[in-house]
Amino acid sequence: MKEKKNPFKVVNRLGMKWTIISAIIILGSDILTFSATLIIGYLAGGESNTTSVLGSMFASVLVGSLLAFVIANNILKPLSELVKATRRVTNGDFNVTLEIGWSERHTIKELRELIQNFNEMTEELRNTEMFRNDFISNFSHEFKTPLVSIRGFARQLHEGNLTEEQQREFSKIILDETEYLSVLSQNTLLITNLENKDIITEKTDFPLDEQLRDCMIRLEPQWSAKNIEIEMELDEIRFFWNETLLAHVWNNLFDNAVKFTPENGSLSVSLKRENGLIIVRVKDSGCGIPEDALPHIFEKFYQADASHATKGNGLGLPLVKKIVELCGGDVSVSSEVGTGTEFTVELRDKR
């Protein structure tokens, strides 16, 4: 709905209220002065020039009110605009930005800072709203596709008239899709929870090298089926943090490495101390990541494989990045198409 133009835009309510209050104060002061002048003149036995005093009162009220209007209207105009803008934000309109004009630049310092903070707040709210809408859209898409698949194959199983081989095939597809939905839900809940958390509890001292071995063993059926050669060069290093959360990092990195490495390929993992840091490198001989996709791989729901030929939900690497950052570390990637990919995780032992 188009906003109506105000023909008296130069006048704001706060300015008018302040002008009226100032006029009342000035008038009250002049009345007291006039009364005092009359009383002093009477007590002194002289005569007071009433006409002159009344003229002075009128001029005082008029000039004082005009000055109060000009000053208050310009100083308080930004505050009036801020009140209107806040009301729009309260109603869910985050596309509000207060212009920094002459009045805003020359108002009191605290009000000027409040306007700047308001603009920063609405910008953050707009970004949050865009992220929320994108997240809901992407999550709905990722959730809807396997549900449609499950419903279609379940209907065919229910209707019957299928060979035993078809029944096994359709049942496996349904199981795979339900597993995908389970992982998608778990990752979504975990990353949402971590984004609202700054302090990690349940920290313990554990052998990091053993954790890496255990995570790789968990994927033994997958890399054995593809005859992938596994090489692990792990120094004995203990680490103090949340062991369960950190395991998500290795599970996701190893799972991706195995998934994108072709049959008879290789995968190497190393654990070293370098320059006061704990360095974990995960390198595969897979298909690699296109150069234009590298800057986006840690974004939620982003998948470099636009064809979705390889099953994934686009939350694994964002989860890796978030956990490593909460750990006070950093994660980076280097890749070349047709050669392979290497992820490097740097951890800081804060014991």
Protein backbone atom coordinates (compact mmCIF):
# COMPACT_ATOMS: atom_id res chain seq x y z
CA MET A 1 0.00 0.00 0.00
CA LYS A 2 1.38 3.39 -1.04
CA GLU A 3 2.12 5.72 1.82
CA LYS A 4 0.25 9.07 1.76
CA LYS A 5 2.39 12.16 1.42
CA ASN A 6 2.29 14.53 4.35
CA PRO A 7 1.86 18.16 3.17
CA PHE A 8 3.42 19.31 6.47
CA LYS A 9 6.44 17.02 6.31
CA VAL A 10 8.73 19.73 7.71
CA VAL A 11 6.66 19.67 10.92
CA ASN A 12 6.82 16.67 13.21
CA ARG A 13 4.63 15.94 16.21
CA LEU A 14 7.47 15.87 18.71
CA GLY A 15 8.66 19.26 17.47
CA MET A 16 5.16 20.75 17.81
CA LYS A 17 4.73 19.29 21.28
CA TRP A 18 8.08 20.70 22.36
CA THR A 19 7.12 24.10 20.87
CA ILE A 20 3.85 24.16 22.83
CA ILE A 21 5.62 23.14 26.03
CA SER A 22 8.28 25.82 25.45
CA ALA A 23 5.58 28.46 24.78
CA ILE A 24 3.77 27.51 28.00
CA ILE A 25 7.04 27.71 29.96
CA ILE A 26 7.91 31.10 28.42
CA LEU A 27 4.36 32.41 29.00
CA GLY A 28 4.44 31.22 32.61
CA SER A 29 7.80 32.90 33.14
CA ASP A 30 6.56 36.15 31.59
CA ILE A 31 3.42 36.12 33.73
CA LEU A 32 5.54 35.73 36.83
CA THR A 33 7.82 38.54 35.63
CA PHE A 34 4.82 40.77 34.84
CA SER A 35 3.27 40.07 38.27
CA ALA A 36 6.57 40.74 40.01
CA THR A 37 6.96 44.02 38.08
CA LEU A 38 3.47 45.19 39.11
CA ILE A 39 4.01 44.25 42.75
CA ILE A 40 7.44 45.91 42.92
CA GLY A 41 6.04 49.06 41.24
CA TYR A 42 3.09 49.15 43.61
CA LEU A 43 5.26 48.67 46.71
CA ALA A 44 7.64 51.37 45.49
CA GLY A 45 4.71 53.79 45.16
CA GLY A 46 5.33 54.24 41.45
CA GLU A 47 3.40 53.29 38.36
CA SER A 48 4.12 50.37 36.08
CA ASN A 49 3.98 50.69 32.33
CA THR A 50 1.52 47.82 31.83
CA THR A 51 1.30 48.26 28.07
CA SER A 52 5.07 48.07 27.72
CA VAL A 53 5.29 44.98 29.91
CA LEU A 54 2.48 43.23 28.00
CA GLY A 55 4.19 44.03 24.72
CA SER A 56 7.42 42.58 26.03
CA MET A 57 5.56 39.46 27.15
CA PHE A 58 3.93 39.00 23.75
CA ALA A 59 7.25 39.48 21.93
CA SER A 60 8.99 37.12 24.34
CA VAL A 61 6.40 34.39 23.85
CA LEU A 62 6.38 34.81 20.04
CA VAL A 63 10.15 34.87 19.57
CA GLY A 64 10.71 32.11 22.14
CA SER A 65 8.10 29.86 20.51
CA LEU A 66 9.58 30.40 17.02
CA LEU A 67 13.08 29.60 18.25
CA ALA A 68 11.79 26.55 20.16
CA PHE A 69 9.96 25.35 17.04
CA VAL A 70 12.98 25.70 14.73
CA ILE A 71 15.41 24.09 17.17
CA ALA A 72 13.12 21.36 18.53
CA ASN A 73 11.66 20.49 15.13
CA ASN A 74 15.13 19.86 13.67
CA ILE A 75 16.59 18.15 16.72
CA LEU A 76 13.55 15.94 17.40
CA LYS A 77 12.61 15.19 13.79
CA PRO A 78 15.01 12.19 13.64
CA LEU A 79 13.47 10.84 16.83
CA SER A 80 9.99 11.14 15.33
CA GLU A 81 11.15 9.29 12.19
CA LEU A 82 12.77 6.64 14.37
CA VAL A 83 9.47 6.04 16.20
CA LYS A 84 7.64 5.57 12.88
CA ALA A 85 10.34 3.24 11.56
CA THR A 86 10.31 1.16 14.75
CA ARG A 87 6.56 0.75 14.40
CA ARG A 88 7.06 -0.62 10.86
CA VAL A 89 9.69 -3.09 12.09
CA THR A 90 7.29 -4.19 14.83
CA ASN A 91 4.75 -4.98 12.10
CA GLY A 92 7.28 -7.20 10.32
CA ASP A 93 8.63 -4.78 7.72
CA PHE A 94 12.43 -5.09 7.83
CA ASN A 95 13.03 -3.07 4.63
CA VAL A 96 13.32 0.11 6.65
CA THR A 97 16.35 2.36 6.52
CA LEU A 98 16.50 5.82 8.06
CA GLU A 99 18.19 8.31 5.79
CA ILE A 100 21.02 10.29 7.33
CA GLY A 101 20.13 13.85 6.28
CA TRP A 102 20.99 17.26 7.67
CA SER A 103 18.73 16.81 10.72
CA GLU A 104 20.20 13.40 11.53
CA ARG A 105 23.80 14.60 11.13
CA HIS A 106 23.27 17.64 13.37
CA THR A 107 21.10 16.11 16.08
CA ILE A 108 22.42 15.12 19.49
CA LYS A 109 25.20 12.51 19.44
CA GLU A 110 23.26 9.78 21.30
CA LEU A 111 20.30 10.04 18.92
CA ARG A 112 22.62 9.96 15.89
CA GLU A 113 24.24 6.76 17.20
CA LEU A 114 20.80 5.29 17.89
CA ILE A 115 19.79 5.87 14.26
CA GLN A 116 23.00 4.24 13.00
CA ASN A 117 22.43 1.25 15.29
CA PHE A 118 18.82 1.03 14.10
CA ASN A 119 19.95 0.85 10.45
CA GLU A 120 22.49 -1.86 11.32
CA MET A 121 19.79 -3.79 13.21
CA THR A 122 17.31 -3.70 10.30
CA GLU A 123 20.04 -4.80 7.88
CA GLU A 124 20.83 -7.76 10.14
CA LEU A 125 17.12 -8.56 10.40
CA ARG A 126 16.79 -8.47 6.61
CA ASN A 127 19.73 -10.85 6.23
CA THR A 128 18.29 -13.15 8.90
CA GLU A 129 14.89 -13.13 7.19
CA MET A 130 16.47 -13.94 3.82
CA PHE A 131 18.51 -16.75 5.38
CA ARG A 132 15.41 -18.13 7.12
CA ASN A 133 13.40 -18.11 3.90
CA ASP A 134 16.25 -19.73 1.93
CA PHE A 135 16.76 -22.31 4.68
CA ILE A 136 13.07 -23.24 4.75
CA SER A 137 12.93 -23.39 0.94
CA ASN A 138 16.04 -25.56 0.66
CA PHE A 139 15.08 -27.82 3.55
CA SER A 140 11.57 -28.28 2.11
CA HIS A 141 13.04 -29.23 -1.25
CA GLU A 142 15.54 -31.67 0.26
CA PHE A 143 12.83 -33.20 2.43
CA LYS A 144 10.14 -33.38 -0.24
CA THR A 145 12.13 -35.26 -2.90
CA PRO A 146 12.79 -38.46 -0.88
CA LEU A 147 9.25 -38.38 0.52
CA VAL A 148 7.82 -38.45 -3.01
CA SER A 149 10.14 -41.35 -3.83
CA ILE A 150 9.15 -43.29 -0.69
CA ARG A 151 5.45 -42.74 -1.35
CA GLY A 152 5.74 -43.90 -4.98
CA PHE A 153 7.64 -47.11 -4.26
CA ALA A 154 5.57 -47.87 -1.15
CA ARG A 155 2.39 -47.60 -3.24
CA GLN A 156 3.76 -50.07 -5.79
CA LEU A 157 4.71 -52.49 -3.01
CA HIS A 158 1.23 -52.14 -1.53
CA GLU A 159 -0.49 -52.80 -4.87
CA GLY A 160 1.57 -55.99 -5.36
CA ASN A 161 2.09 -57.72 -8.70
CA LEU A 162 5.85 -57.35 -8.35
CA THR A 163 8.59 -59.87 -8.79
CA GLU A 164 10.71 -60.80 -5.79
CA GLU A 165 13.65 -58.91 -7.29
CA GLN A 166 11.52 -55.77 -7.73
CA GLN A 167 10.30 -56.03 -4.15
CA ARG A 168 13.88 -56.19 -2.86
CA GLU A 169 14.91 -53.27 -5.09
CA PHE A 170 11.98 -51.06 -4.05
CA SER A 171 12.44 -51.96 -0.38
CA LYS A 172 16.12 -50.98 -0.57
CA ILE A 173 15.25 -47.65 -2.18
CA ILE A 174 12.75 -46.93 0.62
CA LEU A 175 15.33 -47.86 3.26
CA ASP A 176 17.97 -45.63 1.61
CA GLU A 177 15.57 -42.70 1.42
CA THR A 178 14.48 -43.05 5.04
CA GLU A 179 18.15 -43.20 6.09
CA TYR A 180 18.76 -40.02 4.08
CA LEU A 181 15.84 -38.27 5.79
CA SER A 182 17.11 -39.41 9.18
CA VAL A 183 20.59 -37.99 8.53
CA LEU A 184 19.11 -34.78 7.10
CA SER A 185 16.96 -34.26 10.19
CA GLN A 186 19.82 -35.01 12.59
CA ASN A 187 22.24 -32.67 10.79
CA THR A 188 19.64 -29.90 10.60
CA LEU A 189 18.86 -30.11 14.31
CA LEU A 190 22.55 -30.29 15.21
CA ILE A 191 23.68 -27.32 13.10
CA THR A 192 20.71 -25.22 14.29
CA ASN A 193 21.57 -26.04 17.88
CA LEU A 194 25.27 -25.21 17.37
CA GLU A 195 24.48 -21.85 15.73
CA ASN A 196 22.81 -20.74 18.96
CA LYS A 197 25.61 -21.99 21.17
CA ASP A 198 28.86 -20.27 22.11
CA ILE A 199 29.94 -22.41 25.07
CA ILE A 200 30.59 -26.13 24.60
CA THR A 201 30.25 -28.38 27.64
CA GLU A 202 31.12 -32.02 28.37
CA LYS A 203 34.78 -31.64 27.43
CA THR A 204 37.11 -34.55 28.11
CA ASP A 205 40.70 -35.50 27.44
CA PHE A 206 40.85 -38.20 24.75
CA PRO A 207 43.32 -39.67 22.22
CA LEU A 208 42.67 -37.90 18.92
CA ASP A 209 44.54 -40.51 16.90
CA GLU A 210 42.29 -43.29 18.23
CA GLN A 211 39.20 -41.24 17.40
CA LEU A 212 40.36 -40.86 13.80
CA ARG A 213 40.96 -44.62 13.51
CA ASP A 214 37.53 -45.43 14.96
CA CYS A 215 35.79 -43.07 12.52
CA MET A 216 37.59 -44.66 9.57
CA ILE A 217 36.76 -48.20 10.76
CA ARG A 218 33.11 -47.23 10.93
CA LEU A 219 33.17 -46.71 7.15
CA GLU A 220 35.01 -49.99 6.44
CA PRO A 221 32.10 -51.57 4.50
CA GLN A 222 31.99 -48.59 2.10
CA TRP A 223 35.70 -48.29 1.33
CA SER A 224 36.19 -52.06 1.22
CA ALA A 225 33.38 -52.40 -1.32
CA LYS A 226 35.17 -49.89 -3.59
CA ASN A 227 38.61 -51.40 -2.89
CA ILE A 228 39.95 -48.03 -1.74
CA GLU A 229 43.47 -48.06 -0.32
CA ILE A 230 43.53 -46.42 3.13
CA GLU A 231 46.72 -44.88 4.50
CA MET A 232 46.76 -43.36 8.00
CA GLU A 233 49.83 -41.66 9.45
CA LEU A 234 48.81 -40.63 12.95
CA ASP A 235 50.99 -39.28 15.75
CA GLU A 236 49.87 -40.02 19.29
CA ILE A 237 48.13 -36.82 20.30
CA ARG A 238 45.63 -36.20 23.07
CA PHE A 239 43.03 -33.47 22.75
CA PHE A 240 40.72 -31.76 25.23
CA TRP A 241 37.24 -30.94 23.89
CA ASN A 242 33.80 -32.44 23.31
CA GLU A 243 34.65 -35.85 21.83
CA THR A 244 31.17 -36.56 20.41
CA LEU A 245 30.96 -33.24 18.54
CA LEU A 246 34.46 -33.53 17.10
CA ALA A 247 33.66 -37.01 15.78
CA HIS A 248 31.07 -35.40 13.47
CA VAL A 249 33.93 -33.57 11.74
CA TRP A 250 35.87 -36.75 10.88
CA ASN A 251 32.75 -38.75 10.02
CA ASN A 252 31.67 -36.13 7.47
CA LEU A 253 35.13 -35.63 5.96
CA PHE A 254 35.81 -39.38 5.70
CA ASP A 255 32.34 -40.09 4.34
CA ASN A 256 32.78 -37.49 1.59
CA ALA A 257 36.25 -38.77 0.75
CA VAL A 258 35.02 -42.36 0.37
CA LYS A 259 31.90 -41.26 -1.51
CA PHE A 260 33.78 -39.27 -4.17
CA THR A 261 36.76 -41.60 -4.55
CA PRO A 262 36.36 -44.06 -7.43
CA GLU A 263 37.01 -47.78 -7.19
CA ASN A 264 40.65 -48.75 -6.61
CA GLY A 265 41.37 -45.18 -5.51
CA SER A 266 43.27 -44.04 -2.42
CA LEU A 267 42.55 -42.07 0.73
CA SER A 268 45.13 -40.78 3.22
CA VAL A 269 44.76 -39.25 6.69
CA SER A 270 47.58 -37.64 8.67
CA LEU A 271 47.75 -36.20 12.19
CA LYS A 272 50.72 -34.00 13.17
CA ARG A 273 51.77 -31.18 15.48
CA GLU A 274 53.06 -28.22 13.47
CA ASN A 275 54.00 -24.78 14.80
CA GLY A 276 51.99 -25.26 17.96
CA LEU A 277 48.90 -26.45 16.07
CA ILE A 278 47.32 -29.88 15.68
CA ILE A 279 46.96 -30.52 11.95
CA VAL A 280 44.67 -33.16 10.42
CA ARG A 281 44.79 -33.66 6.65
CA VAL A 282 42.29 -35.78 4.72
CA LYS A 283 43.26 -36.37 1.09
CA ASP A 284 41.46 -38.44 -1.54
CA SER A 285 42.07 -39.32 -5.18
CA GLY A 286 38.49 -38.55 -6.16
CA CYS A 287 36.87 -36.46 -8.87
CA GLY A 288 37.82 -33.12 -7.27
CA ILE A 289 35.77 -29.95 -6.79
CA PRO A 290 35.33 -27.35 -9.59
CA GLU A 291 37.15 -24.08 -8.90
CA ASP A 292 33.95 -22.01 -9.04
CA ALA A 293 32.34 -24.27 -6.41
CA LEU A 294 35.17 -24.10 -3.84
CA PRO A 295 34.06 -20.76 -2.27
CA HIS A 296 30.56 -22.18 -1.63
CA ILE A 297 31.13 -25.69 -0.31
CA PHE A 298 30.70 -24.61 3.35
CA GLU A 299 27.32 -22.98 2.63
CA LYS A 300 24.20 -24.76 3.86
CA PHE A 301 22.51 -27.05 1.33
CA TYR A 302 25.08 -26.21 -1.35
CA GLN A 303 26.12 -29.17 -3.48
CA ALA A 304 28.87 -28.90 -6.07
CA ASP A 305 27.29 -31.82 -7.93
CA ALA A 306 24.26 -30.01 -9.37
CA SER A 307 23.00 -33.23 -10.96
CA HIS A 308 22.72 -34.83 -7.46
CA ALA A 309 24.16 -38.00 -8.93
CA THR A 310 25.87 -38.53 -5.59
CA LYS A 311 23.52 -38.55 -2.62
CA GLY A 312 24.08 -35.74 -0.14
CA ASN A 313 22.15 -33.14 1.81
CA GLY A 314 24.55 -30.20 1.68
CA LEU A 315 24.86 -29.94 5.46
CA GLY A 316 27.93 -32.07 6.16
CA LEU A 317 30.61 -29.49 5.36
CA PRO A 318 28.77 -26.53 6.96
CA LEU A 319 28.53 -28.70 10.08
CA VAL A 320 32.28 -29.43 9.88
CA LYS A 321 33.09 -25.73 9.62
CA LYS A 322 30.80 -24.74 12.50
CA ILE A 323 32.18 -27.39 14.88
CA VAL A 324 35.80 -26.58 14.02
CA GLU A 325 35.14 -22.85 14.58
CA LEU A 326 33.51 -23.57 17.96
CA CYS A 327 36.62 -25.56 18.75
CA GLY A 328 38.72 -22.45 18.04
CA GLY A 329 40.21 -23.97 14.91
CA ASP A 330 40.00 -23.54 11.15
CA VAL A 331 39.26 -25.72 8.12
CA SER A 332 40.43 -25.18 4.55
CA VAL A 333 40.26 -27.08 1.27
CA SER A 334 42.35 -27.45 -1.87
CA SER A 335 41.14 -29.40 -4.88
CA GLU A 336 41.80 -30.08 -8.53
CA VAL A 337 39.24 -31.62 -10.85
CA GLY A 338 40.25 -35.15 -11.84
CA THR A 339 43.03 -35.33 -9.26
CA GLY A 340 41.43 -35.20 -5.82
CA THR A 341 40.65 -33.06 -2.79
CA GLU A 342 42.46 -32.32 0.45
CA PHE A 343 40.85 -30.91 3.59
CA THR A 344 43.08 -29.42 6.29
CA VAL A 345 41.78 -28.99 9.83
CA GLU A 346 43.81 -26.89 12.28
CA LEU A 347 43.06 -27.34 15.98
CA ARG A 348 44.37 -25.39 18.97
CA ASP A 349 44.94 -27.29 22.17
CA LYS A 350 43.84 -24.84 24.90
CA ARG A 351 44.65 -26.95 27.92
